[in-house]
Amino acid sequence: MNEVIKQMQKRIVEGIQLPDKKQQNQLRKDVEQALQESIKDLTEHGGGPKVEDRFWKRLEKIIADDPRNRILYLQYHDFHSFWQYTENWYSCYPPNLSEEEREMSLCTVEIERPDSEKYGSYLTAFLPCSLDGLKKFFADNGVDTKSCNIDEIYCGSEKTNSFNDLFEKISKKDIDVFQLNELFYRFDKLPEEMQRVYGLTLQLKEPRTVKEMINLMDHLSEVCVVNGIQNERQLGEFLLENELFDVSFPDEVLPYLDYAKIGKEHMQTHQGKLIQGAYVEDTSTDNVNQFSQESNEENDQSDDYEMKM
């Protein structure tokens, strides 16, 4: 059982205080049993109005058995918080994941529960997962995936936490949950090194839709990543050492060149970026053509690289 649920249950049970200790112990036992039965109900049937109604009826029966049990009304807020958290926890797909498995998921999507008007009541999908299973989960819970309200998208995995900034810029109304599942399914199939390249590519290209994020996976071979480049000076040195700069220089002037300016100009010309200790550049034909005309029009640009004397 989730540790938070355990602590909430303990708080409720230990919060029951009666002068008659025998009555207190019996009431604690009855309440604990009611909470356990409600958790079992959730694991077997998921959440929703009917399951919630059974939860409150269990408590009402306990209160009706003895007038002294009305003390439970004082804990209404605790019972309400327990139910909402527990319902949200078990209203998920895939079902019955452990805390560790949830934390290891590449993406967590929270969707407003359509059968409840309560604030903070939602369904959760952990991606990637079975497409057919996800469709059935939504159908069983009355979710219209074409008009559902995505409350939150969160990437807690070390592999994908850099995705969070992108999702904050994309309108959740424009996100298709099944496309999102496809994105993380394909990402999960990438080799570990290519997953890193993809993460850097997202920061380089800044796609504006999930579809664009998916399409980028077909062009990872065209993305150049040079590790160990922390600044423009190091980039300039790397370019000249490997004869990759657009202008060549005689060996005798190399010690006097402004390598930072060379690195900066190369980044501006080729739309590259310094990201997480690496230089990242899209070398595809489309990217080159996109900026070639602009570069050609700047014929009056100086080729003075400020030799340092």
Protein backbone atom coordinates (compact mmCIF):
# COMPACT_ATOMS: atom_id res chain seq x y z
CA MET A 1 0.00 0.00 0.00
CA ASN A 2 1.09 3.54 -0.71
CA GLU A 3 2.92 5.05 2.27
CA VAL A 4 0.82 8.24 2.19
CA ILE A 5 -2.38 6.19 2.34
CA LYS A 6 -0.98 4.25 5.30
CA GLN A 7 -0.20 7.47 7.16
CA MET A 8 -3.63 8.98 6.40
CA GLN A 9 -5.33 5.83 7.63
CA LYS A 10 -3.21 5.82 10.79
CA ARG A 11 -4.05 9.48 11.43
CA ILE A 12 -7.79 8.77 11.19
CA VAL A 13 -7.73 5.69 13.41
CA GLU A 14 -5.49 7.18 16.10
CA GLY A 15 -7.52 10.39 16.02
CA ILE A 16 -10.52 8.53 17.45
CA GLN A 17 -10.56 9.36 21.17
CA LEU A 18 -13.34 8.23 23.56
CA PRO A 19 -13.52 8.15 27.38
CA ASP A 20 -14.58 4.51 27.20
CA LYS A 21 -11.43 2.76 25.97
CA LYS A 22 -13.30 -0.42 25.10
CA GLN A 23 -15.69 1.55 22.91
CA GLN A 24 -12.75 3.50 21.48
CA ASN A 25 -10.88 0.34 20.49
CA GLN A 26 -14.00 -1.15 18.90
CA LEU A 27 -14.67 2.03 16.94
CA ARG A 28 -11.07 2.18 15.76
CA LYS A 29 -11.31 -1.44 14.63
CA ASP A 30 -14.57 -0.81 12.75
CA VAL A 31 -13.22 2.31 11.02
CA GLU A 32 -9.99 0.59 10.03
CA GLN A 33 -11.98 -2.29 8.56
CA ALA A 34 -14.19 0.15 6.62
CA LEU A 35 -11.12 1.88 5.18
CA GLN A 36 -9.55 -1.43 4.18
CA GLU A 37 -12.78 -2.57 2.49
CA SER A 38 -12.90 0.71 0.56
CA ILE A 39 -9.33 0.25 -0.64
CA LYS A 40 -10.18 -3.28 -1.77
CA ASP A 41 -13.24 -1.88 -3.56
CA LEU A 42 -11.02 0.61 -5.39
CA THR A 43 -8.50 -2.04 -6.45
CA GLU A 44 -11.28 -4.19 -7.88
CA HIS A 45 -13.55 -1.57 -9.45
CA GLY A 46 -11.57 1.68 -9.69
CA GLY A 47 -13.09 4.96 -8.55
CA GLY A 48 -16.27 6.75 -9.44
CA PRO A 49 -19.55 7.82 -7.80
CA LYS A 50 -20.79 4.29 -6.98
CA VAL A 51 -17.58 3.25 -5.26
CA GLU A 52 -17.46 6.54 -3.37
CA ASP A 53 -21.08 6.09 -2.28
CA ARG A 54 -20.19 2.71 -0.80
CA PHE A 55 -17.30 4.31 1.08
CA TRP A 56 -19.52 6.86 2.82
CA LYS A 57 -22.25 4.28 3.50
CA ARG A 58 -19.75 2.12 5.39
CA LEU A 59 -18.99 5.06 7.66
CA GLU A 60 -22.67 5.98 8.02
CA LYS A 61 -23.44 2.44 9.18
CA ILE A 62 -20.76 2.66 11.87
CA ILE A 63 -22.18 5.99 13.11
CA ALA A 64 -25.73 4.62 13.12
CA ASP A 65 -24.73 1.65 15.31
CA ASP A 66 -24.00 3.79 18.38
CA PRO A 67 -24.70 7.49 19.12
CA ARG A 68 -21.20 7.81 20.59
CA ASN A 69 -19.78 7.03 17.17
CA ARG A 70 -21.02 10.40 15.93
CA ILE A 71 -17.61 11.66 17.00
CA LEU A 72 -16.54 10.57 13.52
CA TYR A 73 -18.30 13.65 12.12
CA LEU A 74 -15.44 15.67 13.61
CA GLN A 75 -13.07 13.86 11.26
CA TYR A 76 -15.02 14.55 8.09
CA HIS A 77 -12.14 16.50 6.56
CA ASP A 78 -9.71 13.63 7.21
CA PHE A 79 -12.12 11.09 5.67
CA HIS A 80 -12.67 13.34 2.65
CA SER A 81 -8.93 13.80 2.11
CA PHE A 82 -8.34 10.08 2.53
CA TRP A 83 -10.95 9.20 -0.05
CA GLN A 84 -9.86 11.73 -2.65
CA TYR A 85 -6.18 10.81 -2.43
CA THR A 86 -6.88 7.07 -2.38
CA GLU A 87 -9.37 7.24 -5.25
CA ASN A 88 -6.89 9.18 -7.36
CA TRP A 89 -4.13 6.72 -6.48
CA TYR A 90 -6.09 3.65 -7.60
CA SER A 91 -7.81 5.30 -10.60
CA CYS A 92 -4.90 4.68 -12.93
CA TYR A 93 -3.66 2.70 -15.88
CA PRO A 94 -1.79 0.41 -15.78
CA PRO A 95 -3.48 -0.60 -12.50
CA ASN A 96 -1.86 -1.51 -9.19
CA LEU A 97 1.60 -0.16 -9.95
CA SER A 98 4.00 0.14 -7.04
CA GLU A 99 5.40 3.51 -6.00
CA GLU A 100 8.74 2.56 -7.57
CA GLU A 101 7.10 1.61 -10.87
CA ARG A 102 5.18 4.88 -10.91
CA GLU A 103 8.33 6.88 -10.29
CA MET A 104 10.13 5.00 -13.09
CA SER A 105 7.44 5.76 -15.67
CA LEU A 106 8.59 8.10 -18.42
CA CYS A 107 5.47 10.28 -18.21
CA THR A 108 2.50 10.76 -15.89
CA VAL A 109 -0.72 12.23 -17.29
CA GLU A 110 -3.56 13.37 -15.05
CA ILE A 111 -7.00 13.77 -16.64
CA GLU A 112 -10.01 15.33 -14.97
CA ARG A 113 -12.55 12.69 -13.98
CA PRO A 114 -15.67 13.30 -16.11
CA ASP A 115 -18.05 11.68 -13.60
CA SER A 116 -17.16 14.00 -10.73
CA GLU A 117 -17.56 17.71 -10.12
CA LYS A 118 -15.10 17.63 -7.23
CA TYR A 119 -11.97 19.72 -7.62
CA GLY A 120 -8.84 17.59 -7.71
CA SER A 121 -10.52 14.34 -8.78
CA TYR A 122 -8.64 12.80 -11.69
CA LEU A 123 -7.59 9.70 -13.58
CA THR A 124 -3.92 8.91 -14.13
CA ALA A 125 -2.12 7.22 -17.01
CA PHE A 126 1.52 6.17 -16.76
CA LEU A 127 3.17 6.19 -20.17
CA PRO A 128 4.10 4.32 -22.22
CA CYS A 129 1.48 1.62 -21.81
CA SER A 130 -0.71 -0.71 -23.86
CA LEU A 131 -2.75 1.27 -26.39
CA ASP A 132 -5.70 -1.12 -26.23
CA GLY A 133 -5.59 -1.16 -22.43
CA LEU A 134 -5.48 2.63 -22.29
CA LYS A 135 -8.49 2.92 -24.62
CA LYS A 136 -10.46 0.46 -22.47
CA PHE A 137 -9.47 2.33 -19.28
CA PHE A 138 -10.81 5.60 -20.70
CA ALA A 139 -13.97 3.93 -22.04
CA ASP A 140 -14.66 2.27 -18.68
CA ASN A 141 -14.37 5.65 -16.96
CA GLY A 142 -16.48 7.55 -19.49
CA VAL A 143 -13.61 9.63 -20.86
CA ASP A 144 -14.06 11.19 -24.29
CA THR A 145 -10.44 11.42 -25.39
CA LYS A 146 -11.30 14.01 -28.05
CA SER A 147 -12.59 16.49 -25.48
CA CYS A 148 -11.04 15.37 -22.20
CA ASN A 149 -9.31 17.90 -19.97
CA ILE A 150 -5.67 17.09 -19.28
CA ASP A 151 -4.87 18.55 -15.90
CA GLU A 152 -1.15 17.84 -15.77
CA ILE A 153 1.68 16.21 -17.69
CA TYR A 154 4.73 15.40 -15.64
CA CYS A 155 7.98 13.66 -16.57
CA GLY A 156 9.73 12.62 -13.37
CA SER A 157 12.18 10.14 -14.89
CA GLU A 158 15.80 11.25 -15.23
CA LYS A 159 15.55 10.27 -18.89
CA THR A 160 12.62 12.58 -19.62
CA ASN A 161 12.54 15.39 -17.04
CA SER A 162 13.93 17.79 -19.64
CA PHE A 163 10.60 17.34 -21.52
CA ASN A 164 8.71 19.24 -18.81
CA ASP A 165 9.66 22.70 -20.10
CA LEU A 166 8.34 21.83 -23.56
CA PHE A 167 5.01 20.54 -22.27
CA GLU A 168 4.51 23.75 -20.32
CA LYS A 169 4.64 25.67 -23.61
CA ILE A 170 2.18 23.40 -25.44
CA SER A 171 -1.51 24.00 -24.83
CA LYS A 172 -2.93 20.93 -23.11
CA LYS A 173 -6.10 21.34 -25.19
CA ASP A 174 -4.02 20.51 -28.29
CA ILE A 175 -2.49 17.34 -26.84
CA ASP A 176 -3.79 13.93 -27.87
CA VAL A 177 -3.20 11.36 -25.11
CA PHE A 178 -2.69 8.53 -27.60
CA GLN A 179 -0.11 10.57 -29.53
CA LEU A 180 1.59 11.21 -26.22
CA ASN A 181 1.66 7.48 -25.54
CA GLU A 182 3.17 6.86 -28.99
CA LEU A 183 5.87 9.46 -28.27
CA PHE A 184 7.01 7.75 -25.09
CA TYR A 185 6.62 4.28 -26.58
CA ARG A 186 9.03 5.19 -29.38
CA PHE A 187 11.35 7.01 -27.00
CA ASP A 188 11.52 3.94 -24.77
CA LYS A 189 12.66 1.85 -27.74
CA LEU A 190 15.63 4.12 -28.48
CA PRO A 191 19.10 3.05 -27.32
CA GLU A 192 20.24 4.93 -24.22
CA GLU A 193 22.69 7.15 -26.10
CA MET A 194 20.06 8.06 -28.70
CA GLN A 195 17.64 8.93 -25.88
CA ARG A 196 20.19 11.52 -24.74
CA VAL A 197 20.57 12.81 -28.31
CA TYR A 198 16.80 13.09 -28.59
CA GLY A 199 16.58 15.06 -25.35
CA LEU A 200 19.19 17.49 -26.67
CA THR A 201 17.41 17.68 -30.03
CA LEU A 202 14.17 18.72 -28.32
CA GLN A 203 15.98 21.61 -26.66
CA LEU A 204 17.61 22.54 -29.97
CA LYS A 205 14.50 22.45 -32.17
CA GLU A 206 11.82 23.35 -29.57
CA PRO A 207 8.89 21.57 -31.30
CA ARG A 208 5.47 23.14 -30.74
CA THR A 209 3.29 20.01 -30.90
CA VAL A 210 3.49 16.37 -29.80
CA LYS A 211 3.36 15.39 -33.49
CA GLU A 212 6.48 17.47 -34.15
CA MET A 213 8.15 15.81 -31.17
CA ILE A 214 7.41 12.40 -32.68
CA ASN A 215 8.63 13.43 -36.14
CA LEU A 216 12.00 14.49 -34.74
CA MET A 217 12.78 10.87 -33.90
CA ASP A 218 13.07 10.11 -37.62
CA HIS A 219 15.91 12.62 -38.00
CA LEU A 220 18.22 11.90 -35.07
CA SER A 221 20.95 10.63 -37.40
CA GLU A 222 21.15 14.18 -38.82
CA VAL A 223 21.83 15.77 -35.44
CA CYS A 224 25.47 16.37 -34.55
CA VAL A 225 26.40 16.30 -30.86
CA VAL A 226 29.91 17.23 -29.77
CA ASN A 227 30.46 16.49 -26.09
CA GLY A 228 32.77 18.48 -23.86
CA ILE A 229 32.01 21.88 -25.41
CA GLN A 230 31.19 24.33 -22.62
CA ASN A 231 31.49 27.68 -24.39
CA GLU A 232 31.98 29.45 -27.72
CA ARG A 233 35.78 29.51 -27.38
CA GLN A 234 35.98 25.73 -27.03
CA LEU A 235 33.66 25.37 -30.02
CA GLY A 236 35.88 27.63 -32.13
CA GLU A 237 38.97 25.62 -31.18
CA PHE A 238 37.20 22.36 -32.03
CA LEU A 239 36.07 23.64 -35.43
CA LEU A 240 39.52 24.76 -36.51
CA GLU A 241 41.29 21.68 -35.15
CA ASN A 242 38.95 19.49 -37.20
CA GLU A 243 38.82 21.79 -40.25
CA LEU A 244 35.07 22.28 -39.89
CA PHE A 245 34.90 26.08 -40.00
CA ASP A 246 33.74 27.78 -43.21
CA VAL A 247 37.03 29.74 -43.47
CA SER A 248 40.50 28.23 -43.33
CA PHE A 249 43.55 29.97 -41.80
CA PRO A 250 47.30 29.44 -42.17
CA ASP A 251 48.92 27.72 -39.19
CA GLU A 252 51.00 30.78 -38.23
CA VAL A 253 47.91 32.87 -37.38
CA LEU A 254 46.05 30.23 -35.36
CA PRO A 255 47.46 31.33 -31.97
CA TYR A 256 46.14 34.86 -32.53
CA LEU A 257 42.56 34.13 -33.58
CA ASP A 258 39.49 35.03 -31.54
CA TYR A 259 38.15 31.50 -31.13
CA ALA A 260 35.09 32.66 -29.18
CA LYS A 261 34.00 34.82 -32.12
CA ILE A 262 34.57 31.94 -34.53
CA GLY A 263 32.43 29.66 -32.37
CA LYS A 264 29.71 32.28 -32.02
CA GLU A 265 29.55 32.92 -35.78
CA HIS A 266 29.36 29.21 -36.54
CA MET A 267 26.45 28.80 -34.10
CA GLN A 268 24.59 31.73 -35.62
CA THR A 269 25.16 30.50 -39.18
CA HIS A 270 24.23 26.88 -38.51
CA GLN A 271 21.61 27.46 -35.79
CA GLY A 272 23.48 25.37 -33.26
CA LYS A 273 23.26 25.59 -29.47
CA LEU A 274 25.37 24.85 -26.43
CA ILE A 275 23.27 22.51 -24.28
CA GLN A 276 24.29 20.67 -21.13
CA GLY A 277 28.01 20.65 -21.85
CA ALA A 278 27.66 19.77 -25.53
CA TYR A 279 27.39 21.54 -28.87
CA VAL A 280 24.26 20.45 -30.78
CA GLU A 281 23.57 21.15 -34.45
CA ASP A 282 21.02 19.99 -37.00
CA THR A 283 23.00 19.05 -40.12
CA SER A 284 19.98 18.06 -42.22
CA THR A 285 19.55 19.51 -45.72
CA ASP A 286 16.32 21.21 -44.71
CA ASN A 287 18.03 23.06 -41.92
CA VAL A 288 20.96 24.09 -44.10
CA ASN A 289 18.64 25.37 -46.85
CA GLN A 290 16.55 27.26 -44.33
CA PHE A 291 19.41 29.55 -43.44
CA SER A 292 21.55 29.53 -46.62
CA GLN A 293 19.64 32.35 -48.30
CA GLU A 294 19.88 34.54 -45.23
CA SER A 295 23.62 33.90 -45.04
CA ASN A 296 24.15 34.67 -48.73
CA GLU A 297 22.39 38.01 -48.40
CA GLU A 298 24.87 39.14 -45.77
CA ASN A 299 27.65 39.72 -48.28
CA ASP A 300 28.89 42.75 -46.43
CA GLN A 301 29.59 40.73 -43.27
CA SER A 302 33.16 41.17 -42.09
CA ASP A 303 35.59 38.25 -42.17
CA ASP A 304 37.78 39.99 -39.59
CA TYR A 305 38.13 37.53 -36.75
CA GLU A 306 40.05 39.99 -34.59
CA MET A 307 43.48 38.46 -34.36
CA LYS A 308 44.69 38.99 -30.81
CA MET A 309 48.15 40.55 -30.74
